[in-house]
C-alpha atoms as a PDB file:
ATOM      1  CA  MET A   1       0.000   0.000   0.000  1.00  0.00           C
ATOM      2  CA  ARG A   2       1.452   3.408  -1.031  1.00  0.00           C
ATOM      3  CA  ASP A   3       0.247   6.925  -0.307  1.00  0.00           C
ATOM      4  CA  GLN A   4      -0.465   9.217  -3.244  1.00  0.00           C
ATOM      5  CA  GLY A   5      -1.476  12.597  -1.848  1.00  0.00           C
ATOM      6  CA  PRO A   6      -4.915  12.185  -0.299  1.00  0.00           C
ATOM      7  CA  TYR A   7      -5.243   8.654  -1.724  1.00  0.00           C
ATOM      8  CA  GLN A   8      -3.893   5.189  -1.086  1.00  0.00           C
ATOM      9  CA  VAL A   9      -3.385   2.390  -3.578  1.00  0.00           C
ATOM     10  CA  VAL A  10      -4.499  -0.863  -2.000  1.00  0.00           C
ATOM     11  CA  CYS A  11      -3.437  -4.005  -3.876  1.00  0.00           C
ATOM     12  CA  GLY A  12      -4.583  -7.548  -3.370  1.00  0.00           C
ATOM     13  CA  PRO A  13      -2.075 -10.363  -2.846  1.00  0.00           C
ATOM     14  CA  ASP A  14      -0.282 -11.906  -5.785  1.00  0.00           C
ATOM     15  CA  LEU A  15       0.322 -15.623  -6.105  1.00  0.00           C
ATOM     16  CA  PRO A  16       3.830 -16.928  -5.301  1.00  0.00           C
ATOM     17  CA  VAL A  17       4.119 -18.320  -8.819  1.00  0.00           C
ATOM     18  CA  ALA A  18       7.803 -19.262  -8.670  1.00  0.00           C
ATOM     19  CA  LYS A  19       7.259 -21.415  -5.580  1.00  0.00           C
ATOM     20  CA  LEU A  20       4.404 -23.188  -7.323  1.00  0.00           C
ATOM     21  CA  VAL A  21       6.407 -24.217 -10.406  1.00  0.00           C
ATOM     22  CA  ILE A  22       9.993 -24.701  -9.194  1.00  0.00           C
ATOM     23  CA  GLY A  23      10.694 -28.385  -8.724  1.00  0.00           C
ATOM     24  CA  LYS A  24       8.070 -29.482 -11.234  1.00  0.00           C
ATOM     25  CA  PRO A  25       8.761 -31.077 -14.625  1.00  0.00           C
ATOM     26  CA  ALA A  26       8.641 -28.526 -17.424  1.00  0.00           C
ATOM     27  CA  VAL A  27       5.532 -29.984 -19.052  1.00  0.00           C
ATOM     28  CA  GLU A  28       3.642 -29.936 -15.756  1.00  0.00           C
ATOM     29  CA  ALA A  29       4.826 -26.425 -14.864  1.00  0.00           C
ATOM     30  CA  ALA A  30       3.915 -25.019 -18.275  1.00  0.00           C
ATOM     31  CA  ALA A  31       0.437 -26.516 -18.065  1.00  0.00           C
ATOM     32  CA  LEU A  32      -0.059 -25.116 -14.552  1.00  0.00           C
ATOM     33  CA  LEU A  33       0.490 -21.444 -15.332  1.00  0.00           C
ATOM     34  CA  PRO A  34      -2.542 -20.746 -17.544  1.00  0.00           C
ATOM     35  CA  ARG A  35      -4.717 -22.673 -15.083  1.00  0.00           C
ATOM     36  CA  LEU A  36      -3.647 -20.412 -12.213  1.00  0.00           C
ATOM     37  CA  PHE A  37      -4.901 -17.217 -13.847  1.00  0.00           C
ATOM     38  CA  ASN A  38      -8.152 -16.221 -15.516  1.00  0.00           C
ATOM     39  CA  LEU A  39      -6.559 -13.400 -17.519  1.00  0.00           C
ATOM     40  CA  CYS A  40      -4.344 -13.601 -20.614  1.00  0.00           C
ATOM     41  CA  ARG A  41      -4.271 -17.391 -20.583  1.00  0.00           C
ATOM     42  CA  ALA A  42      -3.043 -17.677 -24.170  1.00  0.00           C
ATOM     43  CA  ALA A  43      -0.161 -15.282 -23.476  1.00  0.00           C
ATOM     44  CA  GLN A  44       0.776 -17.083 -20.271  1.00  0.00           C
ATOM     45  CA  ALA A  45       0.620 -20.522 -21.902  1.00  0.00           C
ATOM     46  CA  THR A  46       2.779 -19.357 -24.802  1.00  0.00           C
ATOM     47  CA  ALA A  47       5.377 -17.671 -22.598  1.00  0.00           C
ATOM     48  CA  ALA A  48       5.668 -20.600 -20.209  1.00  0.00           C
ATOM     49  CA  ALA A  49       6.029 -23.191 -22.971  1.00  0.00           C
ATOM     50  CA  MET A  50       8.601 -21.226 -24.954  1.00  0.00           C
ATOM     51  CA  ALA A  51      10.657 -20.348 -21.866  1.00  0.00           C
ATOM     52  CA  MET A  52      10.793 -24.034 -20.928  1.00  0.00           C
ATOM     53  CA  GLY A  53      11.804 -25.164 -24.394  1.00  0.00           C
ATOM     54  CA  LEU A  54       8.465 -26.751 -25.196  1.00  0.00           C
ATOM     55  CA  PRO A  55       6.485 -26.388 -28.433  1.00  0.00           C
ATOM     56  CA  ALA A  56       4.339 -23.256 -28.434  1.00  0.00           C
ATOM     57  CA  PRO A  57       0.708 -24.189 -27.722  1.00  0.00           C
ATOM     58  CA  ASP A  58      -1.963 -23.839 -30.376  1.00  0.00           C
ATOM     59  CA  VAL A  59      -3.602 -20.695 -28.982  1.00  0.00           C
ATOM     60  CA  ASP A  60      -4.841 -17.472 -30.552  1.00  0.00           C
ATOM     61  CA  LEU A  61      -2.835 -14.622 -29.003  1.00  0.00           C
ATOM     62  CA  SER A  62      -4.240 -11.920 -31.280  1.00  0.00           C
ATOM     63  CA  GLY A  63      -7.776 -13.209 -30.766  1.00  0.00           C
ATOM     64  CA  GLU A  64      -7.365 -13.070 -26.989  1.00  0.00           C
ATOM     65  CA  ILE A  65      -6.175  -9.453 -27.140  1.00  0.00           C
ATOM     66  CA  LEU A  66      -8.862  -8.499 -29.654  1.00  0.00           C
ATOM     67  CA  ARG A  67     -11.609  -9.933 -27.446  1.00  0.00           C
ATOM     68  CA  ASP A  68     -10.344  -8.179 -24.320  1.00  0.00           C
ATOM     69  CA  HIS A  69     -10.119  -4.806 -26.069  1.00  0.00           C
ATOM     70  CA  LEU A  70     -13.576  -5.143 -27.624  1.00  0.00           C
ATOM     71  CA  VAL A  71     -15.136  -5.969 -24.269  1.00  0.00           C
ATOM     72  CA  LYS A  72     -13.610  -2.826 -22.763  1.00  0.00           C
ATOM     73  CA  LEU A  73     -14.623  -0.536 -25.624  1.00  0.00           C
ATOM     74  CA  THR A  74     -18.142  -1.802 -26.275  1.00  0.00           C
ATOM     75  CA  LEU A  75     -19.394  -3.259 -22.982  1.00  0.00           C
ATOM     76  CA  THR A  76     -17.448  -2.231 -19.876  1.00  0.00           C
ATOM     77  CA  TRP A  77     -16.342   1.341 -20.493  1.00  0.00           C
ATOM     78  CA  PRO A  78     -19.596   2.695 -21.997  1.00  0.00           C
ATOM     79  CA  ARG A  79     -21.398   1.656 -18.795  1.00  0.00           C
ATOM     80  CA  LEU A  80     -18.782   3.468 -16.716  1.00  0.00           C
ATOM     81  CA  VAL A  81     -19.492   6.771 -18.495  1.00  0.00           C
ATOM     82  CA  GLY A  82     -23.261   6.382 -18.239  1.00  0.00           C
ATOM     83  CA  LEU A  83     -23.995   4.971 -21.700  1.00  0.00           C
ATOM     84  CA  ASP A  84     -25.676   1.768 -22.776  1.00  0.00           C
ATOM     85  CA  PRO A  85     -23.284  -0.960 -23.892  1.00  0.00           C
ATOM     86  CA  LEU A  86     -22.866  -1.528 -27.608  1.00  0.00           C
ATOM     87  CA  PRO A  87     -23.408  -4.839 -29.376  1.00  0.00           C
ATOM     88  CA  LEU A  88     -20.247  -6.618 -30.403  1.00  0.00           C
ATOM     89  CA  PRO A  89     -19.521  -6.120 -34.119  1.00  0.00           C
ATOM     90  CA  LYS A  90     -20.767  -8.852 -36.441  1.00  0.00           C
ATOM     91  CA  ASN A  91     -18.272 -11.653 -37.027  1.00  0.00           C
ATOM     92  CA  TRP A  92     -15.733  -9.832 -34.851  1.00  0.00           C
ATOM     93  CA  GLN A  93     -13.683 -12.995 -34.430  1.00  0.00           C
ATOM     94  CA  ALA A  94     -12.636 -12.771 -38.091  1.00  0.00           C
ATOM     95  CA  GLY A  95     -10.932  -9.429 -37.474  1.00  0.00           C
ATOM     96  CA  GLY A  96      -9.616  -7.530 -40.465  1.00  0.00           C
ATOM     97  CA  ALA A  97     -10.887  -4.347 -42.089  1.00  0.00           C
ATOM     98  CA  ALA A  98     -14.460  -5.653 -41.993  1.00  0.00           C
ATOM     99  CA  LEU A  99     -14.370  -5.503 -38.195  1.00  0.00           C
ATOM    100  CA  LEU A 100     -12.583  -2.161 -37.970  1.00  0.00           C
ATOM    101  CA  ASP A 101     -14.955  -0.397 -40.349  1.00  0.00           C
ATOM    102  CA  GLN A 102     -17.877  -1.385 -38.127  1.00  0.00           C
ATOM    103  CA  LEU A 103     -16.461   0.447 -35.122  1.00  0.00           C
ATOM    104  CA  PHE A 104     -17.408   3.916 -36.416  1.00  0.00           C
ATOM    105  CA  GLU A 105     -19.630   2.711 -39.280  1.00  0.00           C
ATOM    106  CA  THR A 106     -17.110   4.159 -41.732  1.00  0.00           C
ATOM    107  CA  ARG A 107     -13.486   3.653 -42.706  1.00  0.00           C
ATOM    108  CA  PHE A 108     -11.384   3.139 -39.586  1.00  0.00           C
ATOM    109  CA  PRO A 109      -9.640   6.424 -38.644  1.00  0.00           C
ATOM    110  CA  GLU A 110      -5.861   6.199 -38.954  1.00  0.00           C
ATOM    111  CA  THR A 111      -4.981   9.907 -38.694  1.00  0.00           C
ATOM    112  CA  PRO A 112      -5.743  12.561 -36.076  1.00  0.00           C
ATOM    113  CA  GLU A 113      -8.005  14.349 -38.555  1.00  0.00           C
ATOM    114  CA  ALA A 114      -9.910  11.174 -39.396  1.00  0.00           C
ATOM    115  CA  PHE A 115     -10.260  10.322 -35.693  1.00  0.00           C
ATOM    116  CA  GLU A 116     -11.759  13.755 -34.929  1.00  0.00           C
ATOM    117  CA  ALA A 117     -14.127  13.390 -37.888  1.00  0.00           C
ATOM    118  CA  ALA A 118     -15.182   9.944 -36.644  1.00  0.00           C
ATOM    119  CA  LEU A 119     -15.989  11.391 -33.212  1.00  0.00           C
ATOM    120  CA  LEU A 120     -18.148  14.098 -34.827  1.00  0.00           C
ATOM    121  CA  SER A 121     -20.090  11.473 -36.770  1.00  0.00           C
ATOM    122  CA  GLY A 122     -21.951  10.249 -33.690  1.00  0.00           C
ATOM    123  CA  ALA A 123     -21.798   6.686 -35.025  1.00  0.00           C
ATOM    124  CA  GLY A 124     -20.517   3.484 -33.452  1.00  0.00           C
ATOM    125  CA  LEU A 125     -17.935   4.138 -30.753  1.00  0.00           C
ATOM    126  CA  ALA A 126     -18.051   7.924 -31.256  1.00  0.00           C
ATOM    127  CA  PRO A 127     -20.542   8.681 -28.421  1.00  0.00           C
ATOM    128  CA  PHE A 128     -18.422   6.653 -26.026  1.00  0.00           C
ATOM    129  CA  PHE A 129     -15.181   8.502 -26.792  1.00  0.00           C
ATOM    130  CA  VAL A 130     -16.972  11.866 -26.638  1.00  0.00           C
ATOM    131  CA  ALA A 131     -18.446  10.952 -23.234  1.00  0.00           C
ATOM    132  CA  LEU A 132     -15.075   9.640 -22.062  1.00  0.00           C
ATOM    133  CA  ALA A 133     -13.333  12.893 -22.991  1.00  0.00           C
ATOM    134  CA  LYS A 134     -15.934  14.782 -20.939  1.00  0.00           C
ATOM    135  CA  SER A 135     -15.573  12.409 -17.993  1.00  0.00           C
ATOM    136  CA  LEU A 136     -11.781  12.744 -18.024  1.00  0.00           C
ATOM    137  CA  PRO A 137     -10.739  16.393 -18.419  1.00  0.00           C
ATOM    138  CA  PRO A 138      -7.532  17.008 -20.401  1.00  0.00           C
ATOM    139  CA  GLY A 139      -4.524  15.994 -18.362  1.00  0.00           C
ATOM    140  CA  PHE A 140      -6.520  13.916 -15.876  1.00  0.00           C
ATOM    141  CA  GLY A 141      -4.065  11.350 -14.516  1.00  0.00           C
ATOM    142  CA  ALA A 142      -1.166  12.581 -16.650  1.00  0.00           C
ATOM    143  CA  GLY A 143       2.358  13.042 -15.410  1.00  0.00           C
ATOM    144  CA  PRO A 144       5.979  12.706 -16.539  1.00  0.00           C
ATOM    145  CA  ALA A 145       6.338  10.351 -19.481  1.00  0.00           C
ATOM    146  CA  LEU A 146       7.988   7.073 -18.555  1.00  0.00           C
ATOM    147  CA  PRO A 147      10.425   5.352 -20.905  1.00  0.00           C
ATOM    148  CA  VAL A 148       8.714   2.761 -23.047  1.00  0.00           C
ATOM    149  CA  MET A 149       9.941  -0.655 -21.994  1.00  0.00           C
ATOM    150  CA  GLN A 150      12.491  -2.198 -24.353  1.00  0.00           C
ATOM    151  CA  ASP A 151      13.226  -5.915 -24.497  1.00  0.00           C
ATOM    152  CA  PRO A 152      16.311  -5.891 -22.196  1.00  0.00           C
ATOM    153  CA  GLU A 153      14.253  -4.057 -19.552  1.00  0.00           C
ATOM    154  CA  ALA A 154      11.382  -6.537 -19.460  1.00  0.00           C
ATOM    155  CA  PHE A 155      12.828  -8.361 -16.449  1.00  0.00           C
ATOM    156  CA  ALA A 156      14.227  -5.260 -14.751  1.00  0.00           C
ATOM    157  CA  PRO A 157      12.525  -3.744 -11.720  1.00  0.00           C
ATOM    158  CA  GLY A 158      11.519  -0.136 -12.016  1.00  0.00           C
ATOM    159  CA  ALA A 159       9.131   2.237 -13.691  1.00  0.00           C
ATOM    160  CA  TYR A 160       8.559   1.597 -17.389  1.00  0.00           C
ATOM    161  CA  GLU A 161       5.695   2.186 -19.792  1.00  0.00           C
ATOM    162  CA  ASN A 162       4.872  -1.506 -20.254  1.00  0.00           C
ATOM    163  CA  SER A 163       1.302  -1.090 -21.425  1.00  0.00           C
ATOM    164  CA  VAL A 164      -1.000  -1.070 -24.424  1.00  0.00           C
ATOM    165  CA  ALA A 165      -0.318   2.673 -24.674  1.00  0.00           C
ATOM    166  CA  GLY A 166       3.410   1.983 -24.705  1.00  0.00           C
ATOM    167  CA  ARG A 167       2.888  -0.385 -27.620  1.00  0.00           C
ATOM    168  CA  GLN A 168       0.981   2.333 -29.510  1.00  0.00           C
ATOM    169  CA  VAL A 169       2.963   5.370 -28.342  1.00  0.00           C
ATOM    170  CA  ASP A 170       4.158   6.267 -31.860  1.00  0.00           C
ATOM    171  CA  HIS A 171       0.759   6.034 -33.566  1.00  0.00           C
ATOM    172  CA  PRO A 172      -0.115   9.447 -35.098  1.00  0.00           C
ATOM    173  CA  VAL A 173      -3.433   9.645 -33.229  1.00  0.00           C
ATOM    174  CA  LEU A 174      -1.750   8.873 -29.891  1.00  0.00           C
ATOM    175  CA  ARG A 175       0.985  11.427 -30.580  1.00  0.00           C
ATOM    176  CA  ALA A 176      -1.640  14.086 -31.346  1.00  0.00           C
ATOM    177  CA  ILE A 177      -3.573  13.348 -28.144  1.00  0.00           C
ATOM    178  CA  GLU A 178      -0.366  13.379 -26.089  1.00  0.00           C
ATOM    179  CA  ALA A 179       0.551  16.787 -27.542  1.00  0.00           C
ATOM    180  CA  THR A 180      -2.683  18.337 -26.245  1.00  0.00           C
ATOM    181  CA  ARG A 181      -3.568  16.272 -23.156  1.00  0.00           C
ATOM    182  CA  GLY A 182      -0.364  14.548 -22.099  1.00  0.00           C
ATOM    183  CA  ARG A 183      -0.268  10.826 -21.346  1.00  0.00           C
ATOM    184  CA  ASP A 184      -3.537  11.020 -19.474  1.00  0.00           C
ATOM    185  CA  LEU A 185      -6.214   8.385 -18.983  1.00  0.00           C
ATOM    186  CA  TYR A 186      -8.011   9.359 -22.187  1.00  0.00           C
ATOM    187  CA  TRP A 187      -4.751   8.798 -24.094  1.00  0.00           C
ATOM    188  CA  ARG A 188      -4.501   5.367 -22.494  1.00  0.00           C
ATOM    189  CA  ALA A 189      -8.085   4.478 -23.413  1.00  0.00           C
ATOM    190  CA  VAL A 190      -7.672   5.537 -27.053  1.00  0.00           C
ATOM    191  CA  ALA A 191      -4.550   3.364 -27.217  1.00  0.00           C
ATOM    192  CA  ARG A 192      -6.837   0.344 -26.760  1.00  0.00           C
ATOM    193  CA  LEU A 193      -8.604   1.235 -30.001  1.00  0.00           C
ATOM    194  CA  TYR A 194      -5.391   1.219 -32.005  1.00  0.00           C
ATOM    195  CA  ASP A 195      -4.049  -1.881 -30.305  1.00  0.00           C
ATOM    196  CA  LEU A 196      -7.340  -3.538 -31.211  1.00  0.00           C
ATOM    197  CA  ALA A 197      -6.694  -2.535 -34.832  1.00  0.00           C
ATOM    198  CA  ASP A 198      -3.249  -4.156 -34.736  1.00  0.00           C
ATOM    199  CA  ALA A 199      -4.720  -7.317 -33.221  1.00  0.00           C
ATOM    200  CA  ALA A 200      -7.458  -7.417 -35.851  1.00  0.00           C
ATOM    201  CA  GLN A 201      -4.948  -7.055 -38.687  1.00  0.00           C
ATOM    202  CA  GLY A 202      -2.254  -9.371 -37.328  1.00  0.00           C
ATOM    203  CA  ASN A 203       0.171  -6.502 -36.681  1.00  0.00           C
ATOM    204  CA  LEU A 204       1.032  -7.172 -33.049  1.00  0.00           C
ATOM    205  CA  PRO A 205       4.655  -8.074 -32.265  1.00  0.00           C
ATOM    206  CA  PRO A 206       5.150 -11.841 -32.251  1.00  0.00           C
ATOM    207  CA  PRO A 207       6.350 -13.794 -29.217  1.00  0.00           C
ATOM    208  CA  ARG A 208      10.117 -13.470 -29.120  1.00  0.00           C
ATOM    209  CA  MET A 209      13.068 -14.928 -27.291  1.00  0.00           C
ATOM    210  CA  ALA A 210      15.211 -12.495 -25.283  1.00  0.00           C
ATOM    211  CA  GLY A 211      17.971 -14.956 -24.454  1.00  0.00           C
ATOM    212  CA  ALA A 212      18.172 -18.535 -23.270  1.00  0.00           C
ATOM    213  CA  GLY A 213      14.979 -19.450 -21.451  1.00  0.00           C
ATOM    214  CA  ARG A 214      13.691 -15.861 -21.630  1.00  0.00           C
ATOM    215  CA  VAL A 215      10.612 -15.015 -23.675  1.00  0.00           C
ATOM    216  CA  LEU A 216       8.456 -11.941 -24.249  1.00  0.00           C
ATOM    217  CA  VAL A 217       4.841 -12.260 -25.375  1.00  0.00           C
ATOM    218  CA  PRO A 218       2.295  -9.562 -26.288  1.00  0.00           C
ATOM    219  CA  ALA A 219      -0.735  -9.560 -23.996  1.00  0.00           C
ATOM    220  CA  ALA A 220      -3.871  -7.493 -23.506  1.00  0.00           C
ATOM    221  CA  ARG A 221      -2.150  -5.212 -20.950  1.00  0.00           C
ATOM    222  CA  GLY A 222       1.319  -4.919 -22.452  1.00  0.00           C
ATOM    223  CA  THR A 223       4.258  -7.332 -22.664  1.00  0.00           C
ATOM    224  CA  TYR A 224       4.392 -10.460 -20.544  1.00  0.00           C
ATOM    225  CA  ALA A 225       7.859 -11.845 -19.713  1.00  0.00           C
ATOM    226  CA  VAL A 226       8.873 -15.271 -18.431  1.00  0.00           C
ATOM    227  CA  ALA A 227      12.326 -16.698 -17.705  1.00  0.00           C
ATOM    228  CA  ALA A 228      12.952 -20.303 -16.758  1.00  0.00           C
ATOM    229  CA  THR A 229      15.995 -22.479 -16.038  1.00  0.00           C
ATOM    230  CA  LEU A 230      15.722 -26.255 -16.245  1.00  0.00           C
ATOM    231  CA  GLU A 231      17.908 -29.115 -15.071  1.00  0.00           C
ATOM    232  CA  ALA A 232      17.107 -32.598 -16.333  1.00  0.00           C
ATOM    233  CA  GLY A 233      13.723 -31.329 -17.479  1.00  0.00           C
ATOM    234  CA  VAL A 234      12.807 -29.904 -14.064  1.00  0.00           C
ATOM    235  CA  VAL A 235      12.274 -26.195 -13.381  1.00  0.00           C
ATOM    236  CA  THR A 236      14.993 -24.880 -11.049  1.00  0.00           C
ATOM    237  CA  GLU A 237      14.527 -21.127 -11.504  1.00  0.00           C
ATOM    238  CA  PHE A 238      11.492 -19.164 -12.621  1.00  0.00           C
ATOM    239  CA  THR A 239      10.690 -15.465 -13.086  1.00  0.00           C
ATOM    240  CA  ARG A 240       7.426 -13.983 -14.266  1.00  0.00           C
ATOM    241  CA  VAL A 241       7.022 -10.247 -14.941  1.00  0.00           C
ATOM    242  CA  THR A 242       3.651  -8.892 -15.995  1.00  0.00           C
ATOM    243  CA  PRO A 243       2.567  -5.439 -17.189  1.00  0.00           C
ATOM    244  CA  THR A 244       0.966  -5.041 -13.760  1.00  0.00           C
ATOM    245  CA  ASP A 245       4.376  -5.372 -12.109  1.00  0.00           C
ATOM    246  CA  HIS A 246       5.562  -2.341 -14.063  1.00  0.00           C
ATOM    247  CA  LEU A 247       2.228  -0.563 -13.569  1.00  0.00           C
ATOM    248  CA  LEU A 248       2.555  -0.830  -9.783  1.00  0.00           C
ATOM    249  CA  ALA A 249       6.302  -0.139  -9.547  1.00  0.00           C
ATOM    250  CA  GLU A 250       7.296   2.774  -7.351  1.00  0.00           C
ATOM    251  CA  ASN A 251       6.956   5.984  -9.384  1.00  0.00           C
ATOM    252  CA  GLY A 252       5.365   3.893 -12.118  1.00  0.00           C
ATOM    253  CA  ILE A 253       2.215   4.357 -14.164  1.00  0.00           C
ATOM    254  CA  ALA A 254      -0.182   3.906 -11.243  1.00  0.00           C
ATOM    255  CA  ASP A 255       1.697   6.324  -8.974  1.00  0.00           C
ATOM    256  CA  ILE A 256       1.972   8.957 -11.709  1.00  0.00           C
ATOM    257  CA  THR A 257      -1.678   8.598 -12.706  1.00  0.00           C
ATOM    258  CA  ILE A 258      -3.030   8.799  -9.175  1.00  0.00           C
ATOM    259  CA  ALA A 259      -0.816  11.748  -8.263  1.00  0.00           C
ATOM    260  CA  GLY A 260      -2.451  13.622 -11.150  1.00  0.00           C
ATOM    261  CA  PHE A 261      -5.998  13.164  -9.844  1.00  0.00           C
ATOM    262  CA  ALA A 262      -7.873  16.274  -8.750  1.00  0.00           C
ATOM    263  CA  ASP A 263     -10.668  15.266  -6.361  1.00  0.00           C
ATOM    264  CA  PRO A 264     -12.402  12.639  -8.540  1.00  0.00           C
ATOM    265  CA  ASP A 265     -15.753  11.143  -7.588  1.00  0.00           C
ATOM    266  CA  GLN A 266     -16.164   7.418  -7.027  1.00  0.00           C
ATOM    267  CA  ARG A 267     -17.451   6.740 -10.550  1.00  0.00           C
ATOM    268  CA  THR A 268     -14.407   8.449 -12.039  1.00  0.00           C
ATOM    269  CA  ILE A 269     -12.109   6.467  -9.740  1.00  0.00           C
ATOM    270  CA  HIS A 270     -13.773   3.237 -10.891  1.00  0.00           C
ATOM    271  CA  LEU A 271     -13.316   4.290 -14.522  1.00  0.00           C
ATOM    272  CA  ALA A 272      -9.675   5.197 -13.906  1.00  0.00           C
ATOM    273  CA  MET A 273      -8.909   1.863 -12.279  1.00  0.00           C
ATOM    274  CA  ASP A 274     -10.514   0.016 -15.178  1.00  0.00           C
ATOM    275  CA  ILE A 275      -8.454   1.949 -17.718  1.00  0.00           C
ATOM    276  CA  LEU A 276      -5.250   1.201 -15.783  1.00  0.00           C
ATOM    277  CA  ASP A 277      -6.489  -2.411 -15.741  1.00  0.00           C
ATOM    278  CA  PRO A 278      -4.206  -4.247 -13.292  1.00  0.00           C
ATOM    279  CA  CYS A 279      -4.432  -8.026 -13.357  1.00  0.00           C
ATOM    280  CA  ILE A 280      -4.654  -8.198  -9.557  1.00  0.00           C
ATOM    281  CA  PRO A 281      -7.267  -6.469  -7.365  1.00  0.00           C
ATOM    282  CA  MET A 282      -6.412  -2.791  -6.870  1.00  0.00           C
ATOM    283  CA  GLU A 283      -8.417  -0.054  -5.206  1.00  0.00           C
ATOM    284  CA  LEU A 284      -7.933   3.660  -4.715  1.00  0.00           C
ATOM    285  CA  LYS A 285      -9.140   4.911  -1.354  1.00  0.00           C
ATOM    286  CA  GLU A 286      -9.047   8.215   0.446  1.00  0.00           C
ATOM    287  CA  ARG A 287      -6.433   8.155   3.206  1.00  0.00           C
ATOM    288  CA  ASN A 288      -8.887   8.926   5.999  1.00  0.00           C
ATOM    289  CA  HIS A 289     -11.075   6.006   4.865  1.00  0.00           C
ATOM    290  CA  ALA A 290      -8.311   3.393   4.986  1.00  0.00           C
END
């Protein structure tokens, strides 16, 4: 638990994953990981198998990310800004341009000008983003820009931008929003839209090795990293670093975001926590209510 001005971040316990897999045969350990967690199972299964020298499982990484982003943008987040949820696009599982063009009922906006025009159209996701911008004033939750995590830093402790927004930081629409609002919560929410587009079109970075027994895998919250050492087929060392680890690092994304709050109401706090999207329980409470 850390103080952030008048607020406290209260995190739930995390599982002692290393203790659960060390000493187990690689096949058993790799099968255990995705069963331990409800979130990002395809990413966790892929990372565990590759780190332990096993064949990558037959799972749909892009489909998992696409589904998670669509649920946020059409079901969860509209409710949090007082709108009715939207129906999922037809045949969304197929991805591609056919999915993207349904999101605003016109060609998917790839430039800042096209994005602004899409918001003015009032179609598809436009009312949600307009309502979100009103719910989150410019700069709400913004702070100093963190360095975007590079591969060698995936296993390093510290504050990095290991997030969906970090993956999309160079997109023209994200750059335009950052120039006017900073890396605020609205910027982070819009990043989901463009990460969804990459997932739908097969443009996400592939799983990649970062050294012997070290693997990085794209996931719905950022980049998921696993390192494993085996002896005679048995796991002897294991490290797992999630985007939430970087999110909750001291002076990391959560600290910066919360320090930028200016007396939000409870609905806005709930919305903010959902945009930050940790994979363990996390609450923001006023200090005198702790």
